């Protein structure tokens, strides 16, 4: 009821409100929901190792002083063929595009630990960026803590940006030493072509400025043993619009304004990105009350968290066919939340897998989901799950 009231009522407005709507796009399982949760400071969006955990666009709200960041956590950009294979709704194909229409800034997330996909942006991502060239875009390299050879980041940046960042050409200049006190430290630095230009794009995440000392993804600890390479920028003004023929030959996007490197799961360098986003906010009225953390209803959060655990513990395509039906949602005598949910599966073999030997799998799912729900709702939660075959 409190969530409904906060969402229905007019938002409270500070004296000089600022707002920034951020779309986070990328391939499935790049870490979009993990990054969203870290920016929010609480686990609100579902996260799992399997692709397509996020099934629809949801909004997260970060309110800091007079600034509100609205995070549009979207499903991974996918093709119609893959959507059909995973029994995905039509919304899975349209939601990322809808989010882009309302965004002031887009974060493109790339999983650098996946050597099959990290060297180029997917065709869906490139197509999305080319449809909205007027929206400023930022490249975020995620899971850099899983990279043993940090010099690979130099190659990835060159490929994923087509060698151009903020309208300037990049040029590799020096070698690396592989000693870093932070696994998320960037292996890159950018020297601006002209000192006067650097003022226009502060804080640039890949340049040697005072801002880098505040905790950016560069050598912020003064540890000069950290990987050191610099990229020199030259003026290179590329075309603003790219047609289908251009995209065929492109591996990266030459219109990124900034590059960030982080490890979202461990929270490394997420604060650097958050500070940057707060600085990009423009004057405008808040969309949500300062007490709102997400646009989702408590029931939607509950469904998402349970589905996350089901995805985690069931093999391959099996969990994508599970239907969730909430049969009870009420407050107990001591203020605890009592939830009973029925999980409907298409066949007996799936039911046996979901229950597990001696009920171990379903018990573990209920226990872990219940703990996550307690962390979200900040109250005791008693969760019961039943499994049935769809009639």
Protein backbone atom coordinates (compact mmCIF):
# COMPACT_ATOMS: atom_id res chain seq x y z
CA UNK A 1 0.00 0.00 0.00
CA UNK A 2 2.82 2.39 0.83
CA UNK A 3 4.49 1.65 -2.54
CA UNK A 4 1.17 2.28 -4.36
CA UNK A 5 0.74 5.55 -2.49
CA UNK A 6 4.27 6.75 -3.30
CA UNK A 7 3.82 5.86 -6.99
CA UNK A 8 0.37 7.48 -7.24
CA UNK A 9 1.10 10.74 -5.44
CA UNK A 10 2.91 13.70 -6.94
CA UNK A 11 6.69 13.44 -6.32
CA UNK A 12 8.25 15.71 -3.72
CA UNK A 13 10.39 18.31 -5.50
CA UNK A 14 13.57 19.98 -4.17
CA UNK A 15 14.37 23.63 -4.89
CA UNK A 16 16.31 23.00 -8.13
CA UNK A 17 15.54 19.41 -9.21
CA UNK A 18 17.72 17.62 -11.75
CA UNK A 19 17.00 14.36 -13.51
CA UNK A 20 18.70 11.87 -15.83
CA UNK A 21 17.00 8.91 -17.53
CA UNK A 22 19.50 6.14 -18.24
CA UNK A 23 18.90 3.19 -20.56
CA UNK A 24 21.22 0.23 -19.96
CA UNK A 25 21.46 -1.97 -23.03
CA UNK A 26 23.66 -4.86 -24.09
CA UNK A 27 23.69 -8.52 -24.97
CA UNK A 28 21.84 -10.95 -22.67
CA UNK A 29 23.78 -11.74 -19.46
CA UNK A 30 26.20 -8.83 -19.80
CA UNK A 31 25.42 -7.79 -16.21
CA UNK A 32 22.83 -5.04 -16.75
CA UNK A 33 20.66 -5.97 -13.76
CA UNK A 34 23.72 -6.48 -11.53
CA UNK A 35 24.95 -2.98 -12.41
CA UNK A 36 21.45 -1.54 -11.84
CA UNK A 37 21.28 -3.15 -8.39
CA UNK A 38 24.71 -1.78 -7.47
CA UNK A 39 23.73 1.74 -8.53
CA UNK A 40 20.53 1.44 -6.47
CA UNK A 41 22.33 0.03 -3.44
CA UNK A 42 19.74 -2.75 -3.00
CA UNK A 43 18.89 -5.90 -4.95
CA UNK A 44 15.73 -4.97 -6.83
CA UNK A 45 16.26 -6.61 -10.23
CA UNK A 46 16.68 -10.38 -10.76
CA UNK A 47 20.15 -11.69 -11.57
CA UNK A 48 21.24 -15.16 -12.71
CA UNK A 49 23.87 -16.89 -14.82
CA UNK A 50 21.28 -17.71 -17.50
CA UNK A 51 20.33 -15.34 -20.29
CA UNK A 52 17.00 -13.47 -20.35
CA UNK A 53 16.53 -13.28 -16.57
CA UNK A 54 15.09 -9.78 -17.04
CA UNK A 55 11.81 -10.24 -18.92
CA UNK A 56 10.48 -6.68 -19.12
CA UNK A 57 11.70 -3.15 -18.65
CA UNK A 58 11.58 -1.91 -15.07
CA UNK A 59 12.69 1.36 -13.54
CA UNK A 60 15.04 1.85 -10.65
CA UNK A 61 15.26 5.23 -8.92
CA UNK A 62 18.38 6.73 -7.32
CA UNK A 63 17.67 9.97 -5.44
CA UNK A 64 20.72 11.88 -4.20
CA UNK A 65 20.33 15.41 -2.82
CA UNK A 66 18.60 17.39 -5.61
CA UNK A 67 19.27 14.81 -8.36
CA UNK A 68 17.23 11.81 -9.48
CA UNK A 69 18.64 9.06 -11.71
CA UNK A 70 16.00 6.90 -13.38
CA UNK A 71 17.54 3.60 -14.45
CA UNK A 72 15.75 1.73 -17.20
CA UNK A 73 16.81 -1.90 -16.70
CA UNK A 74 15.92 -3.61 -19.98
CA UNK A 75 15.92 -7.17 -21.32
CA UNK A 76 19.03 -8.12 -23.29
CA UNK A 77 18.80 -7.15 -26.94
CA UNK A 78 18.01 -10.34 -28.80
CA UNK A 79 16.86 -11.57 -32.21
CA UNK A 80 13.32 -12.86 -33.00
CA UNK A 81 14.78 -16.38 -33.49
CA UNK A 82 16.32 -16.47 -30.00
CA UNK A 83 13.19 -14.94 -28.50
CA UNK A 84 11.12 -17.80 -29.91
CA UNK A 85 13.62 -20.39 -28.67
CA UNK A 86 13.41 -19.11 -25.08
CA UNK A 87 9.61 -18.65 -25.22
CA UNK A 88 10.04 -14.91 -24.69
CA UNK A 89 7.22 -12.38 -24.86
CA UNK A 90 7.00 -9.81 -27.64
CA UNK A 91 7.94 -7.23 -24.98
CA UNK A 92 11.45 -8.74 -24.83
CA UNK A 93 12.02 -7.46 -28.38
CA UNK A 94 10.31 -4.08 -28.04
CA UNK A 95 11.15 -2.96 -24.47
CA UNK A 96 14.84 -2.06 -25.08
CA UNK A 97 13.76 0.13 -28.00
CA UNK A 98 11.03 1.80 -25.93
CA UNK A 99 13.57 2.52 -23.19
CA UNK A 100 15.87 4.22 -25.68
CA UNK A 101 13.06 6.57 -26.75
CA UNK A 102 12.80 7.93 -23.20
CA UNK A 103 16.51 7.98 -22.32
CA UNK A 104 18.79 11.01 -21.88
CA UNK A 105 21.88 8.77 -21.82
CA UNK A 106 22.54 5.17 -22.83
CA UNK A 107 25.03 2.83 -21.18
CA UNK A 108 26.21 0.02 -23.45
CA UNK A 109 27.39 -2.87 -21.30
CA UNK A 110 29.92 -5.41 -22.62
CA UNK A 111 31.01 -8.56 -20.78
CA UNK A 112 34.78 -8.59 -21.35
CA UNK A 113 35.12 -12.05 -19.80
CA UNK A 114 33.21 -13.66 -22.69
CA UNK A 115 35.86 -14.15 -25.37
CA UNK A 116 33.21 -15.24 -27.90
CA UNK A 117 31.32 -11.94 -27.90
CA UNK A 118 33.59 -9.25 -26.39
CA UNK A 119 35.39 -8.19 -29.59
CA UNK A 120 32.37 -6.62 -31.23
CA UNK A 121 29.01 -5.14 -30.35
CA UNK A 122 26.05 -7.30 -31.37
CA UNK A 123 24.12 -6.30 -34.48
CA UNK A 124 21.07 -5.62 -32.28
CA UNK A 125 23.06 -3.17 -30.11
CA UNK A 126 24.56 -1.39 -33.14
CA UNK A 127 21.15 -1.15 -34.77
CA UNK A 128 19.70 0.32 -31.57
CA UNK A 129 22.49 2.92 -31.28
CA UNK A 130 22.21 3.89 -34.95
CA UNK A 131 18.45 4.50 -34.57
CA UNK A 132 19.07 7.00 -31.75
CA UNK A 133 22.35 8.78 -32.63
CA UNK A 134 21.20 11.95 -30.81
CA UNK A 135 21.30 10.20 -27.40
CA UNK A 136 24.76 10.40 -25.75
CA UNK A 137 26.22 6.92 -25.28
CA UNK A 138 28.81 5.56 -22.87
CA UNK A 139 30.70 2.27 -23.18
CA UNK A 140 30.91 0.24 -19.97
CA UNK A 141 33.30 -2.73 -19.93
CA UNK A 142 32.06 -5.09 -17.22
CA UNK A 143 33.65 -8.07 -15.42
CA UNK A 144 37.19 -6.74 -15.91
CA UNK A 145 38.16 -8.48 -12.66
CA UNK A 146 37.88 -11.80 -14.53
CA UNK A 147 40.51 -10.77 -17.09
CA UNK A 148 43.98 -12.07 -16.23
CA UNK A 149 45.63 -10.25 -19.13
CA UNK A 150 44.64 -6.62 -18.68
CA UNK A 151 46.34 -5.54 -21.93
CA UNK A 152 43.40 -7.17 -23.77
CA UNK A 153 41.36 -4.15 -22.66
CA UNK A 154 43.40 -1.93 -24.99
CA UNK A 155 42.46 -4.06 -28.00
CA UNK A 156 38.82 -4.22 -26.91
CA UNK A 157 38.51 -0.45 -26.52
CA UNK A 158 39.99 0.09 -29.98
CA UNK A 159 37.60 -2.43 -31.56
CA UNK A 160 34.44 -1.49 -29.66
CA UNK A 161 34.90 2.25 -30.37
CA UNK A 162 36.18 1.89 -33.95
CA UNK A 163 39.21 3.77 -32.60
CA UNK A 164 37.22 6.94 -31.80
CA UNK A 165 36.04 8.28 -28.43
CA UNK A 166 34.30 11.64 -27.99
CA UNK A 167 35.08 12.57 -31.59
CA UNK A 168 38.82 11.99 -31.17
CA UNK A 169 40.99 9.29 -32.64
CA UNK A 170 42.72 6.87 -30.27
CA UNK A 171 46.32 5.81 -30.72
CA UNK A 172 48.10 3.21 -28.56
CA UNK A 173 51.40 4.51 -27.25
CA UNK A 174 53.09 2.40 -24.58
CA UNK A 175 53.49 -1.08 -23.10
CA UNK A 176 52.11 -2.69 -19.95
CA UNK A 177 53.20 -3.99 -16.59
CA UNK A 178 50.78 -6.45 -15.04
CA UNK A 179 50.66 -5.43 -11.40
CA UNK A 180 47.46 -3.82 -10.22
CA UNK A 181 46.14 -3.36 -6.71
CA UNK A 182 42.55 -3.27 -8.00
CA UNK A 183 41.22 -5.88 -10.40
CA UNK A 184 38.94 -3.29 -11.96
CA UNK A 185 41.67 -0.79 -12.74
CA UNK A 186 41.74 0.26 -16.32
CA UNK A 187 44.75 -0.54 -18.43
CA UNK A 188 44.19 2.67 -20.34
CA UNK A 189 44.73 6.38 -20.11
CA UNK A 190 43.81 9.04 -22.64
CA UNK A 191 45.77 12.20 -23.24
CA UNK A 192 43.54 14.86 -24.78
CA UNK A 193 44.75 16.41 -28.02
CA UNK A 194 44.25 19.87 -26.56
CA UNK A 195 44.10 20.76 -22.84
CA UNK A 196 41.23 23.19 -23.45
CA UNK A 197 39.06 20.40 -24.86
CA UNK A 198 39.32 18.28 -21.74
CA UNK A 199 37.19 20.80 -19.82
CA UNK A 200 34.24 20.11 -22.11
CA UNK A 201 33.92 16.44 -21.29
CA UNK A 202 34.86 16.21 -17.60
CA UNK A 203 35.00 13.85 -15.89
CA UNK A 204 36.57 11.77 -18.69
CA UNK A 205 37.01 8.32 -17.32
CA UNK A 206 40.07 7.58 -19.38
CA UNK A 207 42.18 10.67 -19.01
CA UNK A 208 44.85 11.87 -16.66
CA UNK A 209 43.08 14.63 -14.69
CA UNK A 210 42.50 15.47 -11.05
CA UNK A 211 39.24 13.56 -11.34
CA UNK A 212 41.17 10.35 -11.84
CA UNK A 213 42.51 10.82 -8.33
CA UNK A 214 38.99 10.63 -6.88
CA UNK A 215 38.53 6.96 -7.58
CA UNK A 216 38.18 6.62 -11.31
CA UNK A 217 38.99 3.40 -13.06
CA UNK A 218 42.55 4.54 -13.64
CA UNK A 219 45.63 4.64 -11.39
CA UNK A 220 43.73 6.26 -8.51
CA UNK A 221 45.89 4.85 -5.72
CA UNK A 222 49.13 6.32 -6.98
CA UNK A 223 50.38 2.78 -7.55
CA UNK A 224 52.53 3.27 -10.60
CA UNK A 225 53.02 -0.46 -10.90
CA UNK A 226 49.47 -0.62 -12.17
CA UNK A 227 49.06 -1.34 -15.86
CA UNK A 228 50.12 1.76 -17.76
CA UNK A 229 49.30 2.57 -21.32
CA UNK A 230 48.11 5.71 -22.90
CA UNK A 231 45.88 6.40 -25.83
CA UNK A 232 46.54 9.63 -27.64
CA UNK A 233 43.52 11.33 -29.17
CA UNK A 234 43.47 13.17 -32.47
CA UNK A 235 40.55 15.05 -33.97
CA UNK A 236 38.37 12.66 -35.98
CA UNK A 237 34.84 13.78 -36.64
CA UNK A 238 32.88 10.80 -37.98
CA UNK A 239 29.42 10.91 -39.53
CA UNK A 240 26.56 11.18 -37.04
CA UNK A 241 24.22 8.74 -38.79
CA UNK A 242 24.96 5.22 -39.95
CA UNK A 243 22.78 3.25 -42.33
CA UNK A 244 22.28 -0.55 -42.53
CA UNK A 245 25.11 -0.83 -45.06
CA UNK A 246 27.54 0.93 -42.69
CA UNK A 247 26.55 -1.29 -39.76
CA UNK A 248 27.39 -4.45 -41.72
CA UNK A 249 31.07 -3.56 -41.67
CA UNK A 250 31.18 -2.09 -38.16
CA UNK A 251 32.33 -3.99 -35.07
CA UNK A 252 32.09 -1.05 -32.68
CA UNK A 253 30.41 2.33 -32.27
CA UNK A 254 32.50 5.46 -33.00
CA UNK A 255 30.21 7.87 -31.10
CA UNK A 256 30.83 6.87 -27.46
CA UNK A 257 31.47 9.89 -25.24
CA UNK A 258 33.12 8.03 -22.37
CA UNK A 259 34.50 4.61 -21.43
CA UNK A 260 34.21 3.03 -17.98
CA UNK A 261 35.73 -0.21 -16.76
CA UNK A 262 34.30 -1.93 -13.73
CA UNK A 263 33.34 -5.16 -11.98
CA UNK A 264 29.62 -4.74 -11.23
CA UNK A 265 29.26 -7.94 -9.19
CA UNK A 266 32.00 -6.84 -6.78
CA UNK A 267 30.96 -3.18 -6.92
CA UNK A 268 34.41 -2.09 -8.09
CA UNK A 269 34.42 1.36 -9.71
CA UNK A 270 30.59 1.52 -9.72
CA UNK A 271 30.76 4.67 -7.56
CA UNK A 272 32.90 6.33 -10.23
CA UNK A 273 30.21 5.68 -12.82
CA UNK A 274 27.50 6.83 -10.40
CA UNK A 275 29.29 10.15 -9.78
CA UNK A 276 29.59 10.67 -13.53
CA UNK A 277 25.87 9.98 -14.04
CA UNK A 278 24.91 12.43 -11.28
CA UNK A 279 27.02 15.09 -12.99
CA UNK A 280 25.24 14.51 -16.32
CA UNK A 281 21.77 15.22 -14.87
CA UNK A 282 19.94 18.21 -16.34
CA UNK A 283 17.43 20.58 -14.67
CA UNK A 284 13.97 19.05 -14.70
CA UNK A 285 11.19 17.84 -12.39
CA UNK A 286 11.53 14.53 -10.58
CA UNK A 287 9.35 11.69 -11.87
CA UNK A 288 9.21 9.73 -8.62
CA UNK A 289 8.88 10.43 -4.90
CA UNK A 290 12.26 10.37 -3.15
CA UNK A 291 11.09 7.32 -1.17
CA UNK A 292 10.63 5.21 -4.32
CA UNK A 293 13.36 2.71 -5.19
CA UNK A 294 11.65 0.99 -8.14
CA UNK A 295 8.53 1.31 -10.27
CA UNK A 296 7.83 -2.40 -9.76
CA UNK A 297 5.10 -3.56 -7.41
CA UNK A 298 6.14 -5.75 -4.45
CA UNK A 299 4.48 -8.71 -6.22
CA UNK A 300 6.56 -8.13 -9.36
CA UNK A 301 9.75 -8.01 -7.28
CA UNK A 302 8.73 -11.26 -5.58
CA UNK A 303 7.99 -12.99 -8.91
CA UNK A 304 11.32 -11.85 -10.33
CA UNK A 305 13.36 -13.06 -7.37
CA UNK A 306 11.68 -16.49 -7.34
CA UNK A 307 12.16 -16.82 -11.11
CA UNK A 308 15.83 -15.90 -10.68
CA UNK A 309 16.32 -18.88 -8.34
CA UNK A 310 14.35 -21.22 -10.62
CA UNK A 311 16.58 -20.18 -13.53
CA UNK A 312 19.66 -20.80 -11.39
CA UNK A 313 18.77 -24.33 -10.31
CA UNK A 314 17.08 -25.81 -13.40
CA UNK A 315 19.07 -26.93 -16.45
CA UNK A 316 19.08 -25.42 -19.94
CA UNK A 317 15.69 -24.40 -21.37
CA UNK A 318 13.55 -26.00 -18.62
CA UNK A 319 12.94 -22.93 -16.39
CA UNK A 320 11.71 -20.74 -19.25
CA UNK A 321 8.46 -22.76 -19.33
CA UNK A 322 7.61 -22.25 -15.63
CA UNK A 323 4.48 -20.19 -14.88
CA UNK A 324 4.18 -18.48 -11.47
CA UNK A 325 0.81 -18.04 -9.74
CA UNK A 326 0.65 -16.22 -6.38
CA UNK A 327 -2.04 -17.84 -4.22
CA UNK A 328 -1.48 -15.95 -0.98
CA UNK A 329 0.00 -12.56 -0.09
CA UNK A 330 -0.88 -11.25 3.33
CA UNK A 331 0.56 -9.83 6.50
CA UNK A 332 0.94 -12.16 9.48
CA UNK A 333 0.15 -11.36 13.13
CA UNK A 334 3.70 -10.18 13.87
CA UNK A 335 4.04 -8.04 10.75
CA UNK A 336 5.74 -10.77 8.72
CA UNK A 337 4.87 -11.22 5.04
CA UNK A 338 3.23 -14.55 4.20
CA UNK A 339 3.58 -15.58 0.54
CA UNK A 340 2.46 -18.79 -1.17
CA UNK A 341 3.27 -19.28 -4.84
CA UNK A 342 2.40 -22.11 -7.20
CA UNK A 343 4.97 -23.00 -9.88
CA UNK A 344 3.30 -24.60 -12.92
CA UNK A 345 5.53 -26.70 -15.19
CA UNK A 346 4.65 -28.31 -18.55
CA UNK A 347 5.57 -31.94 -17.75
CA UNK A 348 6.19 -34.44 -14.96
CA UNK A 349 9.94 -34.67 -15.62
CA UNK A 350 10.26 -30.91 -15.07
CA UNK A 351 8.31 -31.19 -11.82
CA UNK A 352 10.70 -33.87 -10.54
CA UNK A 353 13.69 -31.70 -11.42
CA UNK A 354 12.22 -28.64 -9.71
CA UNK A 355 11.30 -30.51 -6.53
CA UNK A 356 14.60 -32.44 -6.43
CA UNK A 357 15.42 -35.56 -4.44
CA UNK A 358 13.74 -35.33 -1.06
CA UNK A 359 12.48 -31.83 -1.94
CA UNK A 360 16.00 -30.38 -1.69
CA UNK A 361 15.89 -28.16 -4.80
CA UNK A 362 12.54 -26.48 -4.13
CA UNK A 363 13.47 -26.02 -0.43
CA UNK A 364 16.71 -24.30 -1.40
CA UNK A 365 14.91 -22.04 -3.89
CA UNK A 366 12.34 -21.05 -1.23
CA UNK A 367 15.04 -20.42 1.38
CA UNK A 368 17.26 -18.26 -0.89
CA UNK A 369 14.34 -16.35 -2.42
CA UNK A 370 12.89 -15.74 1.05
CA UNK A 371 16.20 -14.28 2.25
CA UNK A 372 16.43 -11.98 -0.78
CA UNK A 373 12.85 -10.82 -0.22
CA UNK A 374 13.64 -10.00 3.41
CA UNK A 375 16.57 -7.85 2.23
CA UNK A 376 14.33 -6.02 -0.24
CA UNK A 377 11.24 -5.51 1.93
CA UNK A 378 13.15 -5.11 5.21
CA UNK A 379 10.74 -7.39 7.09
CA UNK A 380 10.40 -11.10 7.91
CA UNK A 381 9.15 -13.17 4.97
CA UNK A 382 7.69 -16.66 5.08
CA UNK A 383 7.66 -18.10 1.58
CA UNK A 384 6.01 -21.38 0.58
CA UNK A 385 6.36 -22.82 -2.94
CA UNK A 386 4.25 -25.55 -4.52
CA UNK A 387 4.99 -27.30 -7.82
CA UNK A 388 2.29 -28.67 -10.15
CA UNK A 389 2.06 -29.85 -13.74
CA UNK A 390 -0.01 -27.49 -15.91
CA UNK A 391 -3.40 -29.06 -16.62
